[in-house]
Amino acid sequence: MALPTSTRTWRRTQDGKSIELVTEPLPQSLKPNEVLVKIHAVSLNFRDVAMLHDRYLVSVIDRGVPCSDAAATVLAVGSAVKEFKPDDYVSTTWVADYELGERSGAMGGDIDGTLRELSHACAGAFVGGRSLYY
């Protein structure tokens, strides 16, 4: 399957006080530990709004993508990813680059978040499975 070439993404504006919709290219290959997902739903939490108003303790990257929680479907996986396969249902964790040891970044803050159509991130940023009621 050919990977999508672009995605629509909501990014913080230059002043960081609002967001704007932009179309961005996607990488055409995944790193061995990455997963590409199609995002179906994103939640807006207090922390997401607080970050837009400089009222949260996590640093925020310039023109970053807000939000950290999402429900998604896996489109593709890197060569080293064993826990997911295409068509798996996943949700995000807010520590996008956490696999082992100490956390070094937070989704929607100092790492781009989930307010976009498609996202690629370290497999450790996702958890899988359906609820018993789905």
C-alpha atoms as a PDB file:
ATOM      1  CA  MET A   1       0.000   0.000   0.000  1.00  0.00           C
ATOM      2  CA  ALA A   2       1.309   3.439  -0.895  1.00  0.00           C
ATOM      3  CA  LEU A   3       1.477   5.814   2.036  1.00  0.00           C
ATOM      4  CA  PRO A   4      -0.547   9.052   1.886  1.00  0.00           C
ATOM      5  CA  THR A   5       1.549  11.992   0.718  1.00  0.00           C
ATOM      6  CA  SER A   6      -0.018  14.773   2.798  1.00  0.00           C
ATOM      7  CA  THR A   7      -2.173  15.470   5.833  1.00  0.00           C
ATOM      8  CA  ARG A   8      -4.249  18.358   7.145  1.00  0.00           C
ATOM      9  CA  THR A   9      -2.894  19.595  10.456  1.00  0.00           C
ATOM     10  CA  TRP A  10      -3.956  22.210  12.997  1.00  0.00           C
ATOM     11  CA  ARG A  11      -0.843  24.134  14.128  1.00  0.00           C
ATOM     12  CA  ARG A  12      -0.402  26.890  16.673  1.00  0.00           C
ATOM     13  CA  THR A  13      -0.128  30.315  15.072  1.00  0.00           C
ATOM     14  CA  GLN A  14       3.151  32.224  15.250  1.00  0.00           C
ATOM     15  CA  ASP A  15       2.050  34.058  18.416  1.00  0.00           C
ATOM     16  CA  GLY A  16       0.951  30.731  19.941  1.00  0.00           C
ATOM     17  CA  LYS A  17      -2.486  32.029  20.987  1.00  0.00           C
ATOM     18  CA  SER A  18      -4.606  30.396  18.300  1.00  0.00           C
ATOM     19  CA  ILE A  19      -4.473  27.562  15.750  1.00  0.00           C
ATOM     20  CA  GLU A  20      -4.683  27.393  11.954  1.00  0.00           C
ATOM     21  CA  LEU A  21      -5.322  24.580   9.475  1.00  0.00           C
ATOM     22  CA  VAL A  22      -2.420  23.755   7.139  1.00  0.00           C
ATOM     23  CA  THR A  23      -1.710  20.972   4.647  1.00  0.00           C
ATOM     24  CA  GLU A  24       1.653  19.296   5.171  1.00  0.00           C
ATOM     25  CA  PRO A  25       3.646  16.604   3.379  1.00  0.00           C
ATOM     26  CA  LEU A  26       4.115  13.236   5.074  1.00  0.00           C
ATOM     27  CA  PRO A  27       7.373  11.276   5.059  1.00  0.00           C
ATOM     28  CA  GLN A  28       7.211   8.481   2.499  1.00  0.00           C
ATOM     29  CA  SER A  29       8.951   5.949   4.709  1.00  0.00           C
ATOM     30  CA  LEU A  30       8.682   5.065   8.379  1.00  0.00           C
ATOM     31  CA  LYS A  31      11.565   4.628  10.788  1.00  0.00           C
ATOM     32  CA  PRO A  32      11.813   1.042  12.109  1.00  0.00           C
ATOM     33  CA  ASN A  33       9.993   1.894  15.383  1.00  0.00           C
ATOM     34  CA  GLU A  34       7.326   4.225  13.932  1.00  0.00           C
ATOM     35  CA  VAL A  35       3.607   3.770  13.323  1.00  0.00           C
ATOM     36  CA  LEU A  36       1.459   5.764  10.867  1.00  0.00           C
ATOM     37  CA  VAL A  37      -2.131   6.237  12.030  1.00  0.00           C
ATOM     38  CA  LYS A  38      -5.352   7.784  10.716  1.00  0.00           C
ATOM     39  CA  ILE A  39      -6.863   9.839  13.526  1.00  0.00           C
ATOM     40  CA  HIS A  40     -10.641   9.557  13.921  1.00  0.00           C
ATOM     41  CA  ALA A  41     -11.285  11.525  17.122  1.00  0.00           C
ATOM     42  CA  VAL A  42      -9.350  13.927  19.351  1.00  0.00           C
ATOM     43  CA  SER A  43     -10.324  15.117  22.811  1.00  0.00           C
ATOM     44  CA  LEU A  44      -9.791  18.686  23.982  1.00  0.00           C
ATOM     45  CA  ASN A  45      -8.577  18.732  27.587  1.00  0.00           C
ATOM     46  CA  PHE A  46      -7.888  21.512  30.064  1.00  0.00           C
ATOM     47  CA  ARG A  47      -4.146  21.078  29.505  1.00  0.00           C
ATOM     48  CA  ASP A  48      -4.553  21.702  25.756  1.00  0.00           C
ATOM     49  CA  VAL A  49      -6.301  25.031  26.328  1.00  0.00           C
ATOM     50  CA  ALA A  50      -3.901  25.949  29.145  1.00  0.00           C
ATOM     51  CA  MET A  51      -0.936  25.411  26.809  1.00  0.00           C
ATOM     52  CA  LEU A  52      -2.410  27.906  24.319  1.00  0.00           C
ATOM     53  CA  HIS A  53      -2.565  30.475  27.129  1.00  0.00           C
ATOM     54  CA  ASP A  54       0.890  29.798  28.632  1.00  0.00           C
ATOM     55  CA  ARG A  55      -0.692  28.381  31.788  1.00  0.00           C
ATOM     56  CA  TYR A  56       0.770  24.896  31.790  1.00  0.00           C
ATOM     57  CA  LEU A  57       4.167  23.755  33.021  1.00  0.00           C
ATOM     58  CA  VAL A  58       5.183  21.813  29.893  1.00  0.00           C
ATOM     59  CA  SER A  59       7.157  23.739  27.287  1.00  0.00           C
ATOM     60  CA  VAL A  60       5.440  24.208  23.924  1.00  0.00           C
ATOM     61  CA  ILE A  61       7.253  24.140  20.580  1.00  0.00           C
ATOM     62  CA  ASP A  62       6.728  27.038  18.180  1.00  0.00           C
ATOM     63  CA  ARG A  63       3.994  26.288  15.621  1.00  0.00           C
ATOM     64  CA  GLY A  64       3.446  22.905  17.282  1.00  0.00           C
ATOM     65  CA  VAL A  65       0.407  20.644  16.896  1.00  0.00           C
ATOM     66  CA  PRO A  66      -1.843  20.731  20.003  1.00  0.00           C
ATOM     67  CA  CYS A  67      -3.708  17.945  21.828  1.00  0.00           C
ATOM     68  CA  SER A  68      -2.565  14.591  23.121  1.00  0.00           C
ATOM     69  CA  ASP A  69      -5.539  12.207  23.216  1.00  0.00           C
ATOM     70  CA  ALA A  70      -6.791  10.490  20.062  1.00  0.00           C
ATOM     71  CA  ALA A  71      -8.511   7.385  18.743  1.00  0.00           C
ATOM     72  CA  ALA A  72      -6.961   6.097  15.530  1.00  0.00           C
ATOM     73  CA  THR A  73      -6.491   3.223  13.102  1.00  0.00           C
ATOM     74  CA  VAL A  74      -3.039   1.956  12.148  1.00  0.00           C
ATOM     75  CA  LEU A  75      -2.238   2.440   8.446  1.00  0.00           C
ATOM     76  CA  ALA A  76       1.381   1.231   8.402  1.00  0.00           C
ATOM     77  CA  VAL A  77       4.133   0.117  10.774  1.00  0.00           C
ATOM     78  CA  GLY A  78       7.920   0.302  10.702  1.00  0.00           C
ATOM     79  CA  SER A  79      10.007  -2.832  10.268  1.00  0.00           C
ATOM     80  CA  ALA A  80      10.732  -3.256  14.005  1.00  0.00           C
ATOM     81  CA  VAL A  81       7.150  -2.780  15.245  1.00  0.00           C
ATOM     82  CA  LYS A  82       5.716  -6.069  16.516  1.00  0.00           C
ATOM     83  CA  GLU A  83       2.793  -4.940  18.694  1.00  0.00           C
ATOM     84  CA  PHE A  84       0.666  -3.369  15.927  1.00  0.00           C
ATOM     85  CA  LYS A  85      -0.383  -4.147  12.381  1.00  0.00           C
ATOM     86  CA  PRO A  86      -2.419  -2.250   9.768  1.00  0.00           C
ATOM     87  CA  ASP A  87      -6.125  -1.876  10.664  1.00  0.00           C
ATOM     88  CA  ASP A  88      -5.496  -2.164  14.442  1.00  0.00           C
ATOM     89  CA  TYR A  89      -7.442   0.281  16.589  1.00  0.00           C
ATOM     90  CA  VAL A  90      -5.228   2.360  18.879  1.00  0.00           C
ATOM     91  CA  SER A  91      -5.323   5.330  21.198  1.00  0.00           C
ATOM     92  CA  THR A  92      -2.488   7.631  22.127  1.00  0.00           C
ATOM     93  CA  THR A  93      -0.544   8.124  25.300  1.00  0.00           C
ATOM     94  CA  TRP A  94       0.540  11.664  26.066  1.00  0.00           C
ATOM     95  CA  VAL A  95       4.207  10.689  26.240  1.00  0.00           C
ATOM     96  CA  ALA A  96       4.845  10.165  22.544  1.00  0.00           C
ATOM     97  CA  ASP A  97       8.483   9.141  22.693  1.00  0.00           C
ATOM     98  CA  TYR A  98       8.372   7.008  25.840  1.00  0.00           C
ATOM     99  CA  GLU A  99       9.473   3.414  25.504  1.00  0.00           C
ATOM    100  CA  LEU A 100      11.963   2.784  28.296  1.00  0.00           C
ATOM    101  CA  GLY A 101      13.423   4.895  31.072  1.00  0.00           C
ATOM    102  CA  GLU A 102      12.531   8.506  31.736  1.00  0.00           C
ATOM    103  CA  ARG A 103       9.986  10.462  29.751  1.00  0.00           C
ATOM    104  CA  SER A 104      11.551  13.168  27.625  1.00  0.00           C
ATOM    105  CA  GLY A 105       8.585  14.856  25.933  1.00  0.00           C
ATOM    106  CA  ALA A 106       4.832  15.391  26.027  1.00  0.00           C
ATOM    107  CA  MET A 107       2.491  15.161  23.047  1.00  0.00           C
ATOM    108  CA  GLY A 108       0.858  18.490  22.280  1.00  0.00           C
ATOM    109  CA  GLY A 109       3.625  20.345  24.140  1.00  0.00           C
ATOM    110  CA  ASP A 110       7.259  19.844  23.232  1.00  0.00           C
ATOM    111  CA  ILE A 111       6.313  17.086  20.744  1.00  0.00           C
ATOM    112  CA  ASP A 112       3.681  17.589  18.009  1.00  0.00           C
ATOM    113  CA  GLY A 113       0.269  16.381  19.151  1.00  0.00           C
ATOM    114  CA  THR A 114      -2.787  14.757  17.622  1.00  0.00           C
ATOM    115  CA  LEU A 115      -4.914  17.547  16.122  1.00  0.00           C
ATOM    116  CA  ARG A 116      -4.401  16.303  12.557  1.00  0.00           C
ATOM    117  CA  GLU A 117      -5.718  13.698  10.129  1.00  0.00           C
ATOM    118  CA  LEU A 118      -2.652  11.470   9.979  1.00  0.00           C
ATOM    119  CA  SER A 119       0.225  11.085  12.389  1.00  0.00           C
ATOM    120  CA  HIS A 120       3.446   9.123  12.555  1.00  0.00           C
ATOM    121  CA  ALA A 121       5.121   8.552  15.895  1.00  0.00           C
ATOM    122  CA  CYS A 122       7.089   6.041  17.920  1.00  0.00           C
ATOM    123  CA  ALA A 123       5.066   2.860  18.525  1.00  0.00           C
ATOM    124  CA  GLY A 124       5.392   3.545  22.270  1.00  0.00           C
ATOM    125  CA  ALA A 125       3.025   6.502  21.803  1.00  0.00           C
ATOM    126  CA  PHE A 126       0.082   4.136  21.215  1.00  0.00           C
ATOM    127  CA  VAL A 127      -1.880   1.483  23.062  1.00  0.00           C
ATOM    128  CA  GLY A 128      -4.115  -0.988  21.265  1.00  0.00           C
ATOM    129  CA  GLY A 129      -7.267  -2.968  21.666  1.00  0.00           C
ATOM    130  CA  ARG A 130     -11.008  -2.493  21.575  1.00  0.00           C
ATOM    131  CA  SER A 131     -13.211  -2.089  24.591  1.00  0.00           C
ATOM    132  CA  LEU A 132     -15.515  -4.967  25.445  1.00  0.00           C
ATOM    133  CA  TYR A 133     -18.454  -2.791  24.395  1.00  0.00           C
ATOM    134  CA  TYR A 134     -17.194  -1.812  20.952  1.00  0.00           C
END
